[in-house]
Protein backbone atom coordinates (compact mmCIF):
# COMPACT_ATOMS: atom_id res chain seq x y z
CA MET A 1 100.93 73.15 13.68
CA VAL A 2 99.39 70.88 11.06
CA GLU A 3 101.26 72.84 8.37
CA ARG A 4 104.54 72.04 10.15
CA TRP A 5 103.86 68.30 10.21
CA ARG A 6 105.66 65.71 8.08
CA PRO A 7 103.66 62.45 7.74
CA GLU A 8 106.80 60.52 6.72
CA THR A 9 108.45 61.07 10.10
CA HIS A 10 105.39 61.83 12.27
CA THR A 11 107.13 64.91 13.60
CA PHE A 12 106.71 68.68 13.52
CA HIS A 13 109.55 70.48 11.76
CA LEU A 14 110.09 73.74 13.63
CA PRO A 15 112.99 76.25 13.62
CA ILE A 16 114.26 74.62 16.83
CA GLY A 17 114.29 71.11 15.33
CA GLU A 18 112.04 68.05 15.13
CA CYS A 19 109.48 67.44 17.85
CA THR A 20 106.25 65.47 18.15
CA ILE A 21 103.34 64.39 20.34
CA THR A 22 104.36 61.33 22.34
CA LEU A 23 102.68 58.95 24.75
CA GLU A 24 104.07 61.08 27.56
CA ASP A 25 102.05 64.05 26.30
CA VAL A 26 98.91 61.93 25.97
CA TYR A 27 99.34 60.69 29.53
CA TYR A 28 99.86 64.11 31.10
CA ILE A 29 97.41 66.11 28.98
CA LEU A 30 94.49 63.67 28.75
CA GLY A 31 95.22 61.33 31.68
CA LEU A 32 94.66 58.23 29.55
CA ASN A 33 96.29 54.84 29.98
CA VAL A 34 99.13 54.48 27.45
CA SER A 35 100.05 50.88 28.22
CA GLY A 36 97.97 47.73 28.44
CA LEU A 37 95.69 45.93 26.00
CA PRO A 38 95.62 47.09 22.37
CA VAL A 39 92.49 48.83 21.09
CA SER A 40 92.01 46.42 18.22
CA GLY A 41 89.79 43.70 16.80
CA SER A 42 87.44 43.10 13.89
CA ASN A 43 85.79 46.02 12.10
CA PHE A 44 82.73 43.87 11.38
CA VAL A 45 79.74 43.97 13.72
CA GLN A 46 76.13 42.80 13.69
CA VAL A 47 74.53 46.17 14.44
CA LYS A 48 71.20 45.01 15.85
CA GLN A 49 72.74 42.19 17.87
CA ILE A 50 75.55 44.20 19.46
CA CYS A 51 73.20 47.08 20.33
CA GLN A 52 70.72 44.67 21.90
CA ASP A 53 73.47 42.92 23.88
CA TYR A 54 75.33 45.97 25.20
CA LEU A 55 72.84 48.86 25.00
CA GLY A 56 69.68 46.91 25.68
CA VAL A 57 67.84 48.40 22.72
CA ILE A 58 67.82 48.10 18.92
CA PRO A 59 68.19 51.57 17.35
CA PRO A 60 65.75 52.71 14.66
CA ASP A 61 66.88 52.66 11.03
CA GLY A 62 67.52 56.40 10.96
CA ALA A 63 69.96 56.19 13.88
CA THR A 64 72.44 53.94 12.10
CA LYS A 65 74.46 54.05 8.90
CA GLY A 66 76.42 50.95 8.02
CA ASN A 67 78.20 49.87 11.20
CA SER A 68 78.02 53.33 12.79
CA ILE A 69 75.47 54.95 15.07
CA LYS A 70 74.58 58.62 15.51
CA LEU A 71 75.98 60.40 18.55
CA LYS A 72 72.79 62.44 18.87
CA TRP A 73 70.69 59.29 19.17
CA LEU A 74 72.99 57.97 21.90
CA LYS A 75 72.67 61.25 23.80
CA ASP A 76 68.89 61.50 23.43
CA THR A 77 68.35 57.87 24.38
CA PHE A 78 70.76 57.35 27.26
CA ASP A 79 71.41 60.78 28.79
CA ASP A 80 68.67 60.67 31.42
CA VAL A 81 69.16 57.70 33.71
CA GLY A 82 66.80 57.84 36.65
CA GLU A 83 67.70 56.91 40.21
CA ASN A 84 65.48 53.85 39.93
CA ALA A 85 67.21 52.54 36.80
CA SER A 86 68.36 48.94 36.86
CA GLU A 87 72.03 47.97 36.89
CA LEU A 88 71.79 46.90 33.23
CA GLU A 89 70.30 50.28 32.27
CA LYS A 90 73.09 52.12 34.09
CA GLN A 91 75.72 50.01 32.34
CA ALA A 92 74.12 50.70 28.96
CA SER A 93 74.11 54.43 29.69
CA CYS A 94 77.79 54.24 30.67
CA ARG A 95 78.68 52.45 27.42
CA ALA A 96 76.75 55.04 25.40
CA TYR A 97 78.60 57.87 27.15
CA ILE A 98 82.00 56.26 26.47
CA LEU A 99 81.07 55.86 22.79
CA ARG A 100 80.23 59.58 22.63
CA MET A 101 83.55 60.42 24.29
CA ILE A 102 85.47 58.25 21.82
CA ARG A 103 84.07 59.85 18.68
CA GLY A 104 83.09 63.26 20.02
CA LEU A 105 86.35 64.13 21.81
CA LEU A 106 89.13 61.53 21.83
CA MET A 107 89.05 60.09 18.32
CA PRO A 108 86.72 62.23 16.18
CA ASP A 109 86.68 61.88 12.43
CA LYS A 110 85.78 64.68 10.04
CA SER A 111 82.04 63.95 10.18
CA ASN A 112 82.04 64.00 14.00
CA ASN A 113 78.41 62.86 14.18
CA ARG A 114 78.62 59.06 14.24
CA VAL A 115 80.67 56.41 16.05
CA HIS A 116 81.57 52.95 14.78
CA LEU A 117 80.03 50.19 16.86
CA LYS A 118 83.25 48.14 16.79
CA TYR A 119 84.24 50.01 19.97
CA LEU A 120 81.16 48.67 21.74
CA SER A 121 82.63 45.16 21.84
CA LEU A 122 85.49 46.52 24.01
CA LEU A 123 82.97 47.85 26.52
CA GLU A 124 81.35 44.51 27.36
CA ASP A 125 83.11 44.34 30.74
CA LEU A 126 83.17 47.86 32.15
CA ASN A 127 85.66 46.77 34.82
CA LYS A 128 88.12 45.92 32.05
CA VAL A 129 87.75 49.12 29.99
CA SER A 130 90.53 50.96 31.82
CA GLN A 131 92.98 48.16 31.00
CA TYR A 132 93.03 49.13 27.30
CA SER A 133 95.68 51.46 25.94
CA TRP A 134 93.25 54.21 24.97
CA GLY A 135 96.07 56.76 25.01
CA SER A 136 98.03 55.01 22.26
CA ALA A 137 94.82 54.62 20.22
CA VAL A 138 94.13 58.36 20.52
CA LEU A 139 97.69 59.16 19.44
CA ALA A 140 97.54 56.73 16.50
CA THR A 141 94.29 58.34 15.35
CA ILE A 142 95.56 61.91 15.43
CA LEU A 143 98.78 60.91 13.64
CA CYS A 144 96.66 59.27 10.95
CA LEU A 145 93.75 61.68 10.52
CA ALA A 146 94.99 65.14 11.44
CA THR A 147 97.50 65.57 8.67
CA LYS A 148 96.15 64.22 5.41
CA PRO A 149 97.18 66.56 2.56
CA GLY A 150 94.49 68.30 0.54
CA VAL A 151 91.92 68.10 3.36
CA ILE A 152 90.59 71.33 4.86
CA SER A 153 89.23 69.97 8.13
CA MET A 154 91.16 67.75 10.54
CA GLY A 155 90.38 64.60 12.45
CA GLY A 156 91.82 63.32 15.68
CA CYS A 157 91.87 64.84 19.14
CA ALA A 158 92.17 68.61 18.63
CA LEU A 159 92.25 69.07 22.42
CA LEU A 160 95.48 67.05 22.57
CA LEU A 161 97.13 68.95 19.70
CA GLN A 162 96.15 72.35 21.09
CA ASN A 163 97.35 71.62 24.60
CA TRP A 164 100.58 70.06 23.32
CA ALA A 165 101.34 73.31 21.47
CA TRP A 166 100.42 75.49 24.44
CA TYR A 167 102.55 73.53 26.92
CA ARG A 168 105.59 73.40 24.66
CA LEU A 169 105.54 76.63 22.60
CA SER A 170 105.47 79.63 24.92
CA CYS A 171 105.22 81.96 21.90
CA VAL A 172 101.69 80.72 21.09
CA ALA A 173 100.42 79.85 24.58
CA PRO A 174 97.85 82.04 26.35
CA GLU A 175 98.28 82.89 30.01
CA SER A 176 96.14 80.85 32.38
CA PRO A 177 95.41 81.66 36.04
CA LYS A 178 94.60 78.03 36.75
CA PRO A 179 97.03 75.74 38.61
CA TRP A 180 98.63 72.67 37.04
CA ILE A 181 96.28 69.78 37.85
CA PHE A 182 96.19 66.29 36.37
CA PRO A 183 95.19 65.77 33.62
CA LEU A 184 96.77 68.96 32.35
CA ALA A 185 94.10 69.74 29.73
CA GLN A 186 91.99 71.07 32.62
CA ARG A 187 94.30 74.06 33.03
CA PHE A 188 93.45 75.52 29.61
CA ASN A 189 89.91 74.17 29.48
CA SER A 190 88.27 76.14 32.28
CA GLY A 191 88.16 79.71 30.95
CA GLY A 192 89.97 82.86 32.05
CA LEU A 193 92.66 82.62 29.33
CA ASN A 194 94.59 85.74 28.39
CA PHE A 195 95.56 85.96 24.70
CA ALA A 196 97.04 89.46 24.92
CA LYS A 197 100.57 88.29 24.00
CA VAL A 198 99.66 85.81 21.24
CA PRO A 199 97.94 86.16 17.84
CA HIS A 200 94.43 84.97 18.72
CA ASN A 201 92.35 83.70 15.76
CA ASP A 202 95.03 84.97 13.35
CA VAL A 203 96.47 82.22 11.14
CA GLU A 204 99.02 84.51 9.49
CA GLY A 205 100.09 85.78 12.88
CA TYR A 206 100.65 82.25 14.15
CA ARG A 207 102.65 81.36 11.05
CA LYS A 208 104.96 84.34 11.53
CA THR A 209 105.32 83.67 15.25
CA ILE A 210 106.33 80.04 14.68
CA ASP A 211 108.62 80.95 11.75
CA HIS A 212 110.58 83.36 13.99
CA MET A 213 110.41 81.50 17.31
CA MET A 214 113.53 81.44 19.46
CA VAL A 215 115.17 78.37 21.01
CA GLU A 216 114.12 79.41 24.51
CA GLU A 217 110.47 79.59 23.40
CA PHE A 218 110.22 75.80 23.10
CA TYR A 219 110.07 73.59 26.19
CA TRP A 220 111.58 70.18 25.50
CA ARG A 221 110.51 68.87 28.92
CA PRO A 222 107.53 70.93 30.12
CA TYR A 223 106.35 68.45 32.77
CA LEU A 224 109.56 68.21 34.80
CA GLY A 225 108.39 70.51 37.59
CA PHE A 226 104.89 69.02 37.78
CA GLN A 227 104.41 66.90 40.90
CA HIS A 228 102.56 63.75 39.87
CA GLU A 229 103.39 60.15 40.76
CA VAL A 230 104.07 57.96 37.72
CA SER A 231 104.98 54.27 37.62
CA GLU A 232 108.28 53.16 36.10
CA GLU A 233 106.38 50.98 33.64
CA ASP A 234 104.55 54.02 32.27
CA ARG A 235 107.77 56.04 32.03
CA ALA A 236 109.39 53.25 30.01
CA THR A 237 106.40 53.16 27.67
CA TRP A 238 106.63 56.89 26.91
CA SER A 239 109.99 56.62 25.15
CA ALA A 240 109.38 53.29 23.38
CA CYS A 241 109.99 53.44 19.63
CA THR A 242 107.14 51.16 18.66
CA TYR A 243 103.83 50.91 16.82
CA LEU A 244 100.57 52.54 17.88
CA LEU A 245 97.35 50.67 17.13
CA CYS A 246 93.69 51.52 16.80
CA TYR A 247 91.96 48.76 14.86
CA HIS A 248 92.97 49.24 11.19
CA ILE A 249 95.16 52.25 12.03
CA VAL A 250 98.86 51.52 12.53
CA GLU A 251 101.29 54.41 13.08
CA LYS A 252 104.88 54.64 14.31
CA HIS A 253 105.82 56.23 17.63
CA HIS A 254 109.00 57.93 16.40
CA THR A 255 110.65 58.69 19.74
CA ASP A 256 114.07 58.03 18.18
CA ARG A 257 113.74 61.33 16.31
CA VAL A 258 112.82 63.40 19.39
CA THR A 259 115.03 62.03 22.18
CA LEU A 260 115.55 65.58 23.49
CA GLN A 261 111.96 65.38 24.73
CA PHE A 262 113.10 62.65 27.14
CA GLY A 263 116.29 64.38 28.28
CA LEU A 264 118.54 62.25 26.05
CA HIS A 265 121.17 63.11 23.45
CA GLN A 266 119.78 63.25 19.91
CA GLN A 267 121.61 61.04 17.43
CA ILE A 268 121.27 61.45 13.68
CA PRO A 269 117.97 59.67 13.01
CA GLN A 270 117.58 56.80 10.59
CA PRO A 271 115.36 57.21 7.50
CA PRO A 272 111.69 56.76 8.46
CA GLU A 273 110.03 53.38 7.95
CA ASP A 274 107.80 53.04 4.88
CA MET A 275 104.28 52.62 6.31
CA LYS A 276 102.51 52.41 2.94
CA SER A 277 101.41 48.80 3.37
CA TYR A 278 99.77 49.65 6.71
CA HIS A 279 98.11 52.79 5.39
CA GLU A 280 96.50 50.85 2.53
CA VAL A 281 94.37 48.95 5.05
CA ASP A 282 91.15 50.81 5.77
CA MET A 283 87.58 50.15 6.90
CA ARG A 284 86.65 48.67 3.52
CA ARG A 285 89.69 46.47 2.88
CA GLY A 286 91.22 44.11 5.40
CA ILE A 287 88.03 44.31 7.45
CA ASP A 288 88.96 41.33 9.62
CA ASP A 289 92.76 41.65 9.48
CA ASN A 290 94.52 41.51 12.84
């Protein structure tokens, strides 16, 4: 799927037309909030101070590198929370677990062994954490990291990309005996998959299958028959042609190019917006830019 991606348009170019991962897919597959507060702020942190304030401990020198902290140290330090732990200790353990989820599953980079402590500032009030638009941050990250040319490995949420392909492309999807339950990633993440009809672990086989896929092998609206209550506000957010933010990452949600995914008529799309100025901002430059 990465080979079929065009970074200029943020869409896959398949024989059936343009398609992409949208906020609707993030919502159904991962169950994350796709509206609400932006996942953004300053990239600069005082490592010792923020760890003392929100984790209750200052990590040893070997556990940190720059403004990042090792996932293994977080696991070893905060995994075992006893029944007699204080409320502050339980909150610290919860924050450590969320940090591991952010970098280990939802927004991994290519190193996949450290997490930037800038996210810790968003976890100060655990009652407020669910109000952030984590879904749009996850989508912005995979649009930014998963498709850089000349890079062998990929960043971003591979679970989202894999499930998106399996729910939309029947020609590459394994058969699963599990029922459709929310979030939908659970259906393909609990074993018992049958790959008899698809080229399993065969890159050339996948390439040929996608090259020769038929129109009926792509589902433009795979979630239509799934019974799950969704608010009108969330539905409106899914099709919004807007910007996706995750700190220094800014990517475009190009729903105007894939309106068939929302049951609408597809017009001839406009040329994609030049995002070069946004992409030039990274962790080293524009460190405090909003």
